[in-house]
Amino acid sequence: MADLKIEICGVKLKNPVIAASGTFGFGREYNEIYDISVIGGVSSKGMTLKPRLGNAVPRIAEGYGVILNAVGLQNPGVEHFIKHDLSFLREKGVAVIANVAGSTLDDYGEICAALNGLADFVELNISCPNVKAGGMAFGIKPESINEVTRVAKSSLTKTPLMVKLSPNVESITANARAAEKGGADCISLVNTFTGMVIDLEKRKPVLANNTGGVSGAGIKPIAVKMVYEACQAVDIPVVGMGGIMSGEDAVEFMMAGAKAVQVGTANFADANAMPRIISEMNAWLDNHGIKSVNEIIGTVRMN
């Protein structure tokens, strides 16, 4: 079988398949279905400094080939994660990626300081609104991306910083470069697109929040393009995601330049999605005579 081991920022993963934030909790529920030690890593539920209850329901809506979510970062807070969930993930031998969010720059600095040296990576969710800048998301403009990345990086002396980029922007390449310039050790993309679904009978949006984040198989071609563009723009590693449902999808992202992938919505459709994707990746590599998954990274040949 092909060798699936990869290394990102000095962190070794047994394979490049990582659970995407917000779709896997902290791994405990899925571990009741299969031993999650088989996957490469887990990006935690998005965490804030203090516990959050999240948005009103309904929080989930369906579309063709996609789902929309407006969960609102419901989470138990970073202190609970450190006390109750970190050791469980460590025991499983997966790369632990602590996904964090904040409403101010100080929030990001404080939560990163709390996690310094504990997780394998800290992943910045910068799609959150900056309450001190009129509510505009940190991840919209290169200037704010650079600023929040610098603040987070200054608190992370022992842990690599991964910055998760939003696709709802003018230039994904400019934003990728801004994260790199701000000190990011690697980047991940894409986060969800913004969308809305309307209930025709009620003539109202299905989601209580009106709009939500769009994810699932339908976004994959756009995500692949953005991942390719980001890989061409920066010299730091890129983790790709967006609509990965099969091993072939994962291979496609890695051909576009990603060193690893995150799997999200597929976990809702198939609780065993990630073990299956790992197996399908291995089969594809074996069928093509490829001995290591690293051999396919960035090998796409443009017309």
C-alpha atoms as a PDB file:
ATOM      1  CA  MET A   1       0.000   0.000   0.000  1.00  0.00           C
ATOM      2  CA  ALA A   2       1.092   3.566  -0.670  1.00  0.00           C
ATOM      3  CA  ASP A   3       2.703   5.585   2.116  1.00  0.00           C
ATOM      4  CA  LEU A   4       0.187   8.221   3.279  1.00  0.00           C
ATOM      5  CA  LYS A   5       2.398   9.884   5.897  1.00  0.00           C
ATOM      6  CA  ILE A   6       2.877  13.627   5.555  1.00  0.00           C
ATOM      7  CA  GLU A   7       4.588  16.378   7.532  1.00  0.00           C
ATOM      8  CA  ILE A   8       3.396  19.980   7.952  1.00  0.00           C
ATOM      9  CA  CYS A   9       5.413  22.549   9.880  1.00  0.00           C
ATOM     10  CA  GLY A  10       7.350  19.775  11.583  1.00  0.00           C
ATOM     11  CA  VAL A  11       4.189  17.956  12.684  1.00  0.00           C
ATOM     12  CA  LYS A  12       3.932  14.384  11.400  1.00  0.00           C
ATOM     13  CA  LEU A  13       0.528  13.003  10.400  1.00  0.00           C
ATOM     14  CA  LYS A  14      -0.146   9.332   9.644  1.00  0.00           C
ATOM     15  CA  ASN A  15      -2.224  10.427   6.638  1.00  0.00           C
ATOM     16  CA  PRO A  16      -3.420  13.725   5.143  1.00  0.00           C
ATOM     17  CA  VAL A  17      -7.114  13.366   6.072  1.00  0.00           C
ATOM     18  CA  ILE A  18      -8.209  15.740   8.851  1.00  0.00           C
ATOM     19  CA  ALA A  19     -11.660  16.290  10.341  1.00  0.00           C
ATOM     20  CA  ALA A  20     -12.789  19.834   9.560  1.00  0.00           C
ATOM     21  CA  SER A  21     -13.811  22.159  12.363  1.00  0.00           C
ATOM     22  CA  GLY A  22     -17.478  22.243  13.266  1.00  0.00           C
ATOM     23  CA  THR A  23     -18.279  18.879  11.722  1.00  0.00           C
ATOM     24  CA  PHE A  24     -16.643  16.486  14.173  1.00  0.00           C
ATOM     25  CA  GLY A  25     -17.088  18.061  17.591  1.00  0.00           C
ATOM     26  CA  PHE A  26     -14.086  16.989  19.642  1.00  0.00           C
ATOM     27  CA  GLY A  27     -14.154  13.476  18.212  1.00  0.00           C
ATOM     28  CA  ARG A  28     -15.868  11.585  21.019  1.00  0.00           C
ATOM     29  CA  GLU A  29     -19.154  10.836  19.237  1.00  0.00           C
ATOM     30  CA  TYR A  30     -17.461   9.619  16.059  1.00  0.00           C
ATOM     31  CA  ASN A  31     -15.114   7.491  18.132  1.00  0.00           C
ATOM     32  CA  GLU A  32     -18.169   5.480  19.170  1.00  0.00           C
ATOM     33  CA  ILE A  33     -18.617   4.583  15.482  1.00  0.00           C
ATOM     34  CA  TYR A  34     -14.978   3.907  14.571  1.00  0.00           C
ATOM     35  CA  ASP A  35     -11.579   4.337  16.164  1.00  0.00           C
ATOM     36  CA  ILE A  36     -10.659   7.886  15.165  1.00  0.00           C
ATOM     37  CA  SER A  37      -6.963   7.079  15.587  1.00  0.00           C
ATOM     38  CA  VAL A  38      -7.088   6.007  11.905  1.00  0.00           C
ATOM     39  CA  ILE A  39      -7.402   9.602  10.670  1.00  0.00           C
ATOM     40  CA  GLY A  40      -4.606  12.104  10.362  1.00  0.00           C
ATOM     41  CA  GLY A  41      -5.944  14.839  12.591  1.00  0.00           C
ATOM     42  CA  VAL A  42      -8.901  16.623  14.125  1.00  0.00           C
ATOM     43  CA  SER A  43      -9.659  20.312  13.820  1.00  0.00           C
ATOM     44  CA  SER A  44     -11.747  20.994  16.897  1.00  0.00           C
ATOM     45  CA  LYS A  45     -15.119  22.625  17.160  1.00  0.00           C
ATOM     46  CA  GLY A  46     -14.521  26.359  16.887  1.00  0.00           C
ATOM     47  CA  MET A  47     -13.678  27.607  20.379  1.00  0.00           C
ATOM     48  CA  THR A  48     -14.042  30.964  22.048  1.00  0.00           C
ATOM     49  CA  LEU A  49     -12.647  32.230  25.361  1.00  0.00           C
ATOM     50  CA  LYS A  50     -15.960  31.734  27.142  1.00  0.00           C
ATOM     51  CA  PRO A  51     -18.750  29.216  26.442  1.00  0.00           C
ATOM     52  CA  ARG A  52     -21.293  30.187  23.776  1.00  0.00           C
ATOM     53  CA  LEU A  53     -24.847  28.958  23.249  1.00  0.00           C
ATOM     54  CA  GLY A  54     -24.891  29.752  19.533  1.00  0.00           C
ATOM     55  CA  ASN A  55     -27.708  30.947  17.305  1.00  0.00           C
ATOM     56  CA  ALA A  56     -31.435  30.322  17.457  1.00  0.00           C
ATOM     57  CA  VAL A  57     -32.885  27.331  15.586  1.00  0.00           C
ATOM     58  CA  PRO A  58     -33.338  26.291  12.810  1.00  0.00           C
ATOM     59  CA  ARG A  59     -29.563  26.268  12.303  1.00  0.00           C
ATOM     60  CA  ILE A  60     -29.303  23.826   9.392  1.00  0.00           C
ATOM     61  CA  ALA A  61     -30.864  23.960   5.919  1.00  0.00           C
ATOM     62  CA  GLU A  62     -30.449  21.846   2.802  1.00  0.00           C
ATOM     63  CA  GLY A  63     -29.747  22.795  -0.800  1.00  0.00           C
ATOM     64  CA  TYR A  64     -28.849  20.826  -3.917  1.00  0.00           C
ATOM     65  CA  GLY A  65     -25.475  19.229  -3.204  1.00  0.00           C
ATOM     66  CA  VAL A  66     -24.887  21.520  -0.212  1.00  0.00           C
ATOM     67  CA  ILE A  67     -25.986  22.276   3.311  1.00  0.00           C
ATOM     68  CA  LEU A  68     -26.196  25.630   5.064  1.00  0.00           C
ATOM     69  CA  ASN A  69     -25.358  26.109   8.715  1.00  0.00           C
ATOM     70  CA  ALA A  70     -25.706  28.991  11.126  1.00  0.00           C
ATOM     71  CA  VAL A  71     -24.746  27.278  14.367  1.00  0.00           C
ATOM     72  CA  GLY A  72     -23.101  30.405  15.755  1.00  0.00           C
ATOM     73  CA  LEU A  73     -20.009  28.845  17.314  1.00  0.00           C
ATOM     74  CA  GLN A  74     -21.795  26.997  20.097  1.00  0.00           C
ATOM     75  CA  ASN A  75     -18.954  25.627  22.229  1.00  0.00           C
ATOM     76  CA  PRO A  76     -17.962  24.970  25.855  1.00  0.00           C
ATOM     77  CA  GLY A  77     -15.039  27.403  25.820  1.00  0.00           C
ATOM     78  CA  VAL A  78     -11.288  26.886  25.606  1.00  0.00           C
ATOM     79  CA  GLU A  79     -10.824  26.074  29.299  1.00  0.00           C
ATOM     80  CA  HIS A  80     -13.236  23.139  29.021  1.00  0.00           C
ATOM     81  CA  PHE A  81     -11.386  21.897  25.927  1.00  0.00           C
ATOM     82  CA  ILE A  82      -8.048  21.977  27.713  1.00  0.00           C
ATOM     83  CA  LYS A  83      -9.408  20.183  30.791  1.00  0.00           C
ATOM     84  CA  HIS A  84     -11.689  17.603  29.185  1.00  0.00           C
ATOM     85  CA  ASP A  85     -11.022  17.076  25.480  1.00  0.00           C
ATOM     86  CA  LEU A  86      -7.346  17.663  24.764  1.00  0.00           C
ATOM     87  CA  SER A  87      -6.130  14.532  26.565  1.00  0.00           C
ATOM     88  CA  PHE A  88      -8.696  12.369  24.747  1.00  0.00           C
ATOM     89  CA  LEU A  89      -7.438  13.532  21.348  1.00  0.00           C
ATOM     90  CA  ARG A  90      -3.824  13.146  22.457  1.00  0.00           C
ATOM     91  CA  GLU A  91      -4.495   9.537  23.469  1.00  0.00           C
ATOM     92  CA  LYS A  92      -5.857   8.859  19.995  1.00  0.00           C
ATOM     93  CA  GLY A  93      -2.571   9.871  18.382  1.00  0.00           C
ATOM     94  CA  VAL A  94      -4.131  12.292  15.931  1.00  0.00           C
ATOM     95  CA  ALA A  95      -2.779  15.738  15.139  1.00  0.00           C
ATOM     96  CA  VAL A  96      -4.707  18.152  17.358  1.00  0.00           C
ATOM     97  CA  ILE A  97      -5.726  21.340  15.606  1.00  0.00           C
ATOM     98  CA  ALA A  98      -7.391  23.818  17.975  1.00  0.00           C
ATOM     99  CA  ASN A  99      -9.771  25.995  15.964  1.00  0.00           C
ATOM    100  CA  VAL A 100     -10.307  29.335  17.681  1.00  0.00           C
ATOM    101  CA  ALA A 101     -12.462  32.407  17.178  1.00  0.00           C
ATOM    102  CA  GLY A 102     -12.810  35.832  18.723  1.00  0.00           C
ATOM    103  CA  SER A 103     -14.656  39.125  18.543  1.00  0.00           C
ATOM    104  CA  THR A 104     -11.597  41.305  19.146  1.00  0.00           C
ATOM    105  CA  LEU A 105      -7.878  41.133  18.572  1.00  0.00           C
ATOM    106  CA  ASP A 106      -7.396  40.735  22.318  1.00  0.00           C
ATOM    107  CA  ASP A 107      -9.652  37.660  22.234  1.00  0.00           C
ATOM    108  CA  TYR A 108      -7.403  36.014  19.664  1.00  0.00           C
ATOM    109  CA  GLY A 109      -4.257  36.873  21.571  1.00  0.00           C
ATOM    110  CA  GLU A 110      -5.631  35.521  24.844  1.00  0.00           C
ATOM    111  CA  ILE A 111      -7.014  32.261  23.486  1.00  0.00           C
ATOM    112  CA  CYS A 112      -3.820  31.564  21.544  1.00  0.00           C
ATOM    113  CA  ALA A 113      -1.755  32.178  24.677  1.00  0.00           C
ATOM    114  CA  ALA A 114      -3.910  29.646  26.551  1.00  0.00           C
ATOM    115  CA  LEU A 115      -3.263  27.003  23.878  1.00  0.00           C
ATOM    116  CA  ASN A 116       0.426  27.707  23.303  1.00  0.00           C
ATOM    117  CA  GLY A 117       2.374  24.465  23.465  1.00  0.00           C
ATOM    118  CA  LEU A 118      -0.732  22.311  24.008  1.00  0.00           C
ATOM    119  CA  ALA A 119      -2.111  21.692  20.518  1.00  0.00           C
ATOM    120  CA  ASP A 120      -0.181  20.631  17.413  1.00  0.00           C
ATOM    121  CA  PHE A 121      -1.637  23.623  15.559  1.00  0.00           C
ATOM    122  CA  VAL A 122      -3.879  26.547  16.337  1.00  0.00           C
ATOM    123  CA  GLU A 123      -6.240  27.295  13.452  1.00  0.00           C
ATOM    124  CA  LEU A 124      -7.613  30.836  13.322  1.00  0.00           C
ATOM    125  CA  ASN A 125     -11.248  31.152  12.294  1.00  0.00           C
ATOM    126  CA  ILE A 126     -11.129  34.700  10.912  1.00  0.00           C
ATOM    127  CA  SER A 127     -14.620  34.674   9.412  1.00  0.00           C
ATOM    128  CA  CYS A 128     -15.875  36.116  12.706  1.00  0.00           C
ATOM    129  CA  PRO A 129     -17.048  39.748  12.997  1.00  0.00           C
ATOM    130  CA  ASN A 130     -14.660  42.231  14.594  1.00  0.00           C
ATOM    131  CA  VAL A 131     -16.953  44.040  17.015  1.00  0.00           C
ATOM    132  CA  LYS A 132     -14.528  46.952  17.322  1.00  0.00           C
ATOM    133  CA  ALA A 133     -14.463  47.511  13.544  1.00  0.00           C
ATOM    134  CA  GLY A 134     -18.164  47.786  12.802  1.00  0.00           C
ATOM    135  CA  GLY A 135     -18.774  44.034  12.561  1.00  0.00           C
ATOM    136  CA  MET A 136     -16.727  43.360   9.427  1.00  0.00           C
ATOM    137  CA  ALA A 137     -15.159  39.904   9.514  1.00  0.00           C
ATOM    138  CA  PHE A 138     -11.438  39.764  10.301  1.00  0.00           C
ATOM    139  CA  GLY A 139     -10.895  37.668   7.173  1.00  0.00           C
ATOM    140  CA  ILE A 140     -12.325  40.032   4.562  1.00  0.00           C
ATOM    141  CA  LYS A 141      -9.467  42.457   3.923  1.00  0.00           C
ATOM    142  CA  PRO A 142      -5.722  41.732   3.720  1.00  0.00           C
ATOM    143  CA  GLU A 143      -4.951  44.434   6.287  1.00  0.00           C
ATOM    144  CA  SER A 144      -7.139  42.898   8.986  1.00  0.00           C
ATOM    145  CA  ILE A 145      -5.900  39.387   8.171  1.00  0.00           C
ATOM    146  CA  ASN A 146      -2.322  40.551   8.594  1.00  0.00           C
ATOM    147  CA  GLU A 147      -3.170  42.237  11.885  1.00  0.00           C
ATOM    148  CA  VAL A 148      -5.034  39.341  13.516  1.00  0.00           C
ATOM    149  CA  THR A 149      -2.386  36.894  12.323  1.00  0.00           C
ATOM    150  CA  ARG A 150       0.376  38.967  13.904  1.00  0.00           C
ATOM    151  CA  VAL A 151      -1.492  39.160  17.205  1.00  0.00           C
ATOM    152  CA  ALA A 152      -2.119  35.410  17.267  1.00  0.00           C
ATOM    153  CA  LYS A 153       1.428  34.537  16.238  1.00  0.00           C
ATOM    154  CA  SER A 154       2.899  36.717  18.985  1.00  0.00           C
ATOM    155  CA  SER A 155       1.127  34.467  21.523  1.00  0.00           C
ATOM    156  CA  LEU A 156       2.214  31.200  19.894  1.00  0.00           C
ATOM    157  CA  THR A 157       5.882  30.623  20.618  1.00  0.00           C
ATOM    158  CA  LYS A 158       5.587  26.812  20.705  1.00  0.00           C
ATOM    159  CA  THR A 159       2.713  25.983  18.359  1.00  0.00           C
ATOM    160  CA  PRO A 160       2.426  26.446  14.575  1.00  0.00           C
ATOM    161  CA  LEU A 161      -0.271  28.882  13.446  1.00  0.00           C
ATOM    162  CA  MET A 162      -2.738  27.894  10.718  1.00  0.00           C
ATOM    163  CA  VAL A 163      -4.972  30.638   9.334  1.00  0.00           C
ATOM    164  CA  LYS A 164      -8.313  29.550   7.845  1.00  0.00           C
ATOM    165  CA  LEU A 165      -9.297  31.764   4.930  1.00  0.00           C
ATOM    166  CA  SER A 166     -12.797  32.770   3.922  1.00  0.00           C
ATOM    167  CA  PRO A 167     -13.795  32.462   0.239  1.00  0.00           C
ATOM    168  CA  ASN A 168     -16.146  35.459   0.518  1.00  0.00           C
ATOM    169  CA  VAL A 169     -13.434  37.921  -0.469  1.00  0.00           C
ATOM    170  CA  GLU A 170     -12.186  40.003  -3.367  1.00  0.00           C
ATOM    171  CA  SER A 171      -8.824  38.232  -3.743  1.00  0.00           C
ATOM    172  CA  ILE A 172      -7.927  34.911  -2.161  1.00  0.00           C
ATOM    173  CA  THR A 173      -4.304  35.345  -3.259  1.00  0.00           C
ATOM    174  CA  ALA A 174      -3.973  38.759  -1.603  1.00  0.00           C
ATOM    175  CA  ASN A 175      -5.442  37.366   1.602  1.00  0.00           C
ATOM    176  CA  ALA A 176      -3.218  34.291   1.535  1.00  0.00           C
ATOM    177  CA  ARG A 177      -0.159  36.523   1.163  1.00  0.00           C
ATOM    178  CA  ALA A 178      -1.404  38.737   4.014  1.00  0.00           C
ATOM    179  CA  ALA A 179      -1.613  35.724   6.330  1.00  0.00           C
ATOM    180  CA  GLU A 180       1.869  34.605   5.302  1.00  0.00           C
ATOM    181  CA  LYS A 181       3.278  38.095   5.824  1.00  0.00           C
ATOM    182  CA  GLY A 182       1.581  38.270   9.228  1.00  0.00           C
ATOM    183  CA  GLY A 183       3.475  35.193  10.375  1.00  0.00           C
ATOM    184  CA  ALA A 184       1.181  32.266   9.570  1.00  0.00           C
ATOM    185  CA  ASP A 185       3.042  28.965   9.428  1.00  0.00           C
ATOM    186  CA  CYS A 186       0.393  27.511   7.108  1.00  0.00           C
ATOM    187  CA  ILE A 187      -3.070  28.329   5.799  1.00  0.00           C
ATOM    188  CA  SER A 188      -6.275  26.359   5.319  1.00  0.00           C
ATOM    189  CA  LEU A 189      -9.126  27.044   2.896  1.00  0.00           C
ATOM    190  CA  VAL A 190     -11.883  27.332   2.042  1.00  0.00           C
ATOM    191  CA  ASN A 191     -14.204  28.185   4.863  1.00  0.00           C
ATOM    192  CA  THR A 192     -17.913  28.252   3.973  1.00  0.00           C
ATOM    193  CA  PHE A 193     -19.532  30.492   1.385  1.00  0.00           C
ATOM    194  CA  THR A 194     -22.469  32.687   2.425  1.00  0.00           C
ATOM    195  CA  GLY A 195     -25.916  31.638   1.223  1.00  0.00           C
ATOM    196  CA  MET A 196     -29.646  31.580   1.891  1.00  0.00           C
ATOM    197  CA  VAL A 197     -32.526  29.154   1.381  1.00  0.00           C
ATOM    198  CA  ILE A 198     -36.154  30.369   1.353  1.00  0.00           C
ATOM    199  CA  ASP A 199     -39.198  28.454   2.590  1.00  0.00           C
ATOM    200  CA  LEU A 200     -41.676  29.114  -0.238  1.00  0.00           C
ATOM    201  CA  GLU A 201     -44.788  28.587   1.875  1.00  0.00           C
ATOM    202  CA  LYS A 202     -43.673  30.837   4.719  1.00  0.00           C
ATOM    203  CA  ARG A 203     -41.878  33.223   2.331  1.00  0.00           C
ATOM    204  CA  LYS A 204     -39.106  33.427   4.896  1.00  0.00           C
ATOM    205  CA  PRO A 205     -35.517  32.139   5.075  1.00  0.00           C
ATOM    206  CA  VAL A 206     -35.321  28.612   6.462  1.00  0.00           C
ATOM    207  CA  LEU A 207     -32.507  29.575   8.845  1.00  0.00           C
ATOM    208  CA  ALA A 208     -33.399  31.636  11.902  1.00  0.00           C
ATOM    209  CA  ASN A 209     -30.226  33.613  11.176  1.00  0.00           C
ATOM    210  CA  ASN A 210     -31.508  34.207   7.595  1.00  0.00           C
ATOM    211  CA  THR A 211     -28.149  33.368   6.027  1.00  0.00           C
ATOM    212  CA  GLY A 212     -25.609  30.657   6.713  1.00  0.00           C
ATOM    213  CA  GLY A 213     -22.388  29.027   5.640  1.00  0.00           C
ATOM    214  CA  VAL A 214     -22.657  26.874   2.509  1.00  0.00           C
ATOM    215  CA  SER A 215     -20.635  23.659   2.378  1.00  0.00           C
ATOM    216  CA  GLY A 216     -20.782  20.285   0.679  1.00  0.00           C
ATOM    217  CA  ALA A 217     -20.066  18.654  -2.654  1.00  0.00           C
ATOM    218  CA  GLY A 218     -21.500  21.556  -4.661  1.00  0.00           C
ATOM    219  CA  ILE A 219     -18.718  23.972  -3.688  1.00  0.00           C
ATOM    220  CA  LYS A 220     -15.803  21.696  -4.624  1.00  0.00           C
ATOM    221  CA  PRO A 221     -14.836  23.146  -8.039  1.00  0.00           C
ATOM    222  CA  ILE A 222     -14.670  26.666  -6.604  1.00  0.00           C
ATOM    223  CA  ALA A 223     -12.717  25.460  -3.589  1.00  0.00           C
ATOM    224  CA  VAL A 224     -10.203  23.570  -5.763  1.00  0.00           C
ATOM    225  CA  LYS A 225      -9.602  26.720  -7.828  1.00  0.00           C
ATOM    226  CA  MET A 226      -9.046  28.844  -4.725  1.00  0.00           C
ATOM    227  CA  VAL A 227      -6.715  26.283  -3.175  1.00  0.00           C
ATOM    228  CA  TYR A 228      -4.688  26.173  -6.392  1.00  0.00           C
ATOM    229  CA  GLU A 229      -4.473  29.978  -6.476  1.00  0.00           C
ATOM    230  CA  ALA A 230      -3.413  30.153  -2.828  1.00  0.00           C
ATOM    231  CA  CYS A 231      -0.739  27.502  -3.365  1.00  0.00           C
ATOM    232  CA  GLN A 232       0.688  29.547  -6.231  1.00  0.00           C
ATOM    233  CA  ALA A 233       0.697  32.708  -4.105  1.00  0.00           C
ATOM    234  CA  VAL A 234       2.490  31.577  -0.914  1.00  0.00           C
ATOM    235  CA  ASP A 235       5.516  29.565   0.156  1.00  0.00           C
ATOM    236  CA  ILE A 236       3.918  28.127   3.294  1.00  0.00           C
ATOM    237  CA  PRO A 237       1.935  24.851   3.349  1.00  0.00           C
ATOM    238  CA  VAL A 238      -1.734  24.874   2.367  1.00  0.00           C
ATOM    239  CA  VAL A 239      -4.464  22.591   3.729  1.00  0.00           C
ATOM    240  CA  GLY A 240      -7.382  22.285   1.315  1.00  0.00           C
ATOM    241  CA  MET A 241     -11.066  21.692   1.950  1.00  0.00           C
ATOM    242  CA  GLY A 242     -14.474  22.263   0.423  1.00  0.00           C
ATOM    243  CA  GLY A 243     -16.797  19.522  -0.776  1.00  0.00           C
ATOM    244  CA  ILE A 244     -14.487  16.533  -0.353  1.00  0.00           C
ATOM    245  CA  MET A 245     -16.675  13.428  -0.467  1.00  0.00           C
ATOM    246  CA  SER A 246     -14.303  10.753  -1.802  1.00  0.00           C
ATOM    247  CA  GLY A 247     -10.679   9.715  -1.979  1.00  0.00           C
ATOM    248  CA  GLU A 248     -10.530  11.007  -5.548  1.00  0.00           C
ATOM    249  CA  ASP A 249     -11.717  14.424  -4.339  1.00  0.00           C
ATOM    250  CA  ALA A 250      -8.900  14.467  -1.782  1.00  0.00           C
ATOM    251  CA  VAL A 251      -6.360  13.551  -4.475  1.00  0.00           C
ATOM    252  CA  GLU A 252      -7.668  16.421  -6.607  1.00  0.00           C
ATOM    253  CA  PHE A 253      -7.028  18.973  -3.850  1.00  0.00           C
ATOM    254  CA  MET A 254      -3.522  17.614  -3.320  1.00  0.00           C
ATOM    255  CA  MET A 255      -2.768  17.768  -7.038  1.00  0.00           C
ATOM    256  CA  ALA A 256      -3.821  21.425  -6.816  1.00  0.00           C
ATOM    257  CA  GLY A 257      -1.078  21.886  -4.221  1.00  0.00           C
ATOM    258  CA  ALA A 258      -2.577  21.098  -0.822  1.00  0.00           C
ATOM    259  CA  LYS A 259      -0.338  19.147   1.563  1.00  0.00           C
ATOM    260  CA  ALA A 260      -3.357  17.818   3.470  1.00  0.00           C
ATOM    261  CA  VAL A 261      -7.129  18.014   3.330  1.00  0.00           C
ATOM    262  CA  GLN A 262      -9.960  18.592   5.762  1.00  0.00           C
ATOM    263  CA  VAL A 263     -13.249  16.707   5.447  1.00  0.00           C
ATOM    264  CA  GLY A 264     -16.409  18.316   6.798  1.00  0.00           C
ATOM    265  CA  THR A 265     -19.908  17.905   5.383  1.00  0.00           C
ATOM    266  CA  ALA A 266     -19.170  14.354   4.180  1.00  0.00           C
ATOM    267  CA  ASN A 267     -19.155  13.321   7.849  1.00  0.00           C
ATOM    268  CA  PHE A 268     -22.846  14.252   8.114  1.00  0.00           C
ATOM    269  CA  ALA A 269     -23.832  12.220   5.058  1.00  0.00           C
ATOM    270  CA  ASP A 270     -21.672   9.224   5.986  1.00  0.00           C
ATOM    271  CA  ALA A 271     -20.404   8.791   9.535  1.00  0.00           C
ATOM    272  CA  ASN A 272     -17.593   6.573   8.172  1.00  0.00           C
ATOM    273  CA  ALA A 273     -16.610   9.071   5.484  1.00  0.00           C
ATOM    274  CA  MET A 274     -13.027   9.659   6.570  1.00  0.00           C
ATOM    275  CA  PRO A 275     -11.905   6.031   6.946  1.00  0.00           C
ATOM    276  CA  ARG A 276     -13.497   5.399   3.549  1.00  0.00           C
ATOM    277  CA  ILE A 277     -11.742   8.405   1.990  1.00  0.00           C
ATOM    278  CA  ILE A 278      -8.393   7.216   3.360  1.00  0.00           C
ATOM    279  CA  SER A 279      -8.982   3.766   1.874  1.00  0.00           C
ATOM    280  CA  GLU A 280     -10.037   5.248  -1.471  1.00  0.00           C
ATOM    281  CA  MET A 281      -6.948   7.480  -1.579  1.00  0.00           C
ATOM    282  CA  ASN A 282      -4.739   4.462  -0.951  1.00  0.00           C
ATOM    283  CA  ALA A 283      -6.492   2.491  -3.684  1.00  0.00           C
ATOM    284  CA  TRP A 284      -6.094   5.340  -6.187  1.00  0.00           C
ATOM    285  CA  LEU A 285      -2.395   5.713  -5.428  1.00  0.00           C
ATOM    286  CA  ASP A 286      -1.832   1.957  -5.646  1.00  0.00           C
ATOM    287  CA  ASN A 287      -3.709   1.731  -8.944  1.00  0.00           C
ATOM    288  CA  HIS A 288      -1.477   4.446 -10.385  1.00  0.00           C
ATOM    289  CA  GLY A 289       1.781   2.977  -9.100  1.00  0.00           C
ATOM    290  CA  ILE A 290       2.427   5.873  -6.706  1.00  0.00           C
ATOM    291  CA  LYS A 291       4.385   4.893  -3.612  1.00  0.00           C
ATOM    292  CA  SER A 292       3.904   8.036  -1.501  1.00  0.00           C
ATOM    293  CA  VAL A 293       1.064  10.552  -1.322  1.00  0.00           C
ATOM    294  CA  ASN A 294       3.695  13.294  -1.273  1.00  0.00           C
ATOM    295  CA  GLU A 295       4.434  12.508  -4.924  1.00  0.00           C
ATOM    296  CA  ILE A 296       1.104  13.946  -6.089  1.00  0.00           C
ATOM    297  CA  ILE A 297       1.252  17.310  -4.302  1.00  0.00           C
ATOM    298  CA  GLY A 298       1.143  20.195  -6.769  1.00  0.00           C
ATOM    299  CA  THR A 299       1.366  17.989  -9.845  1.00  0.00           C
ATOM    300  CA  VAL A 300      -1.566  19.431 -11.782  1.00  0.00           C
ATOM    301  CA  ARG A 301      -0.520  20.476 -15.297  1.00  0.00           C
ATOM    302  CA  MET A 302      -2.390  23.539 -16.492  1.00  0.00           C
ATOM    303  CA  ASN A 303      -3.495  23.740 -20.141  1.00  0.00           C
END
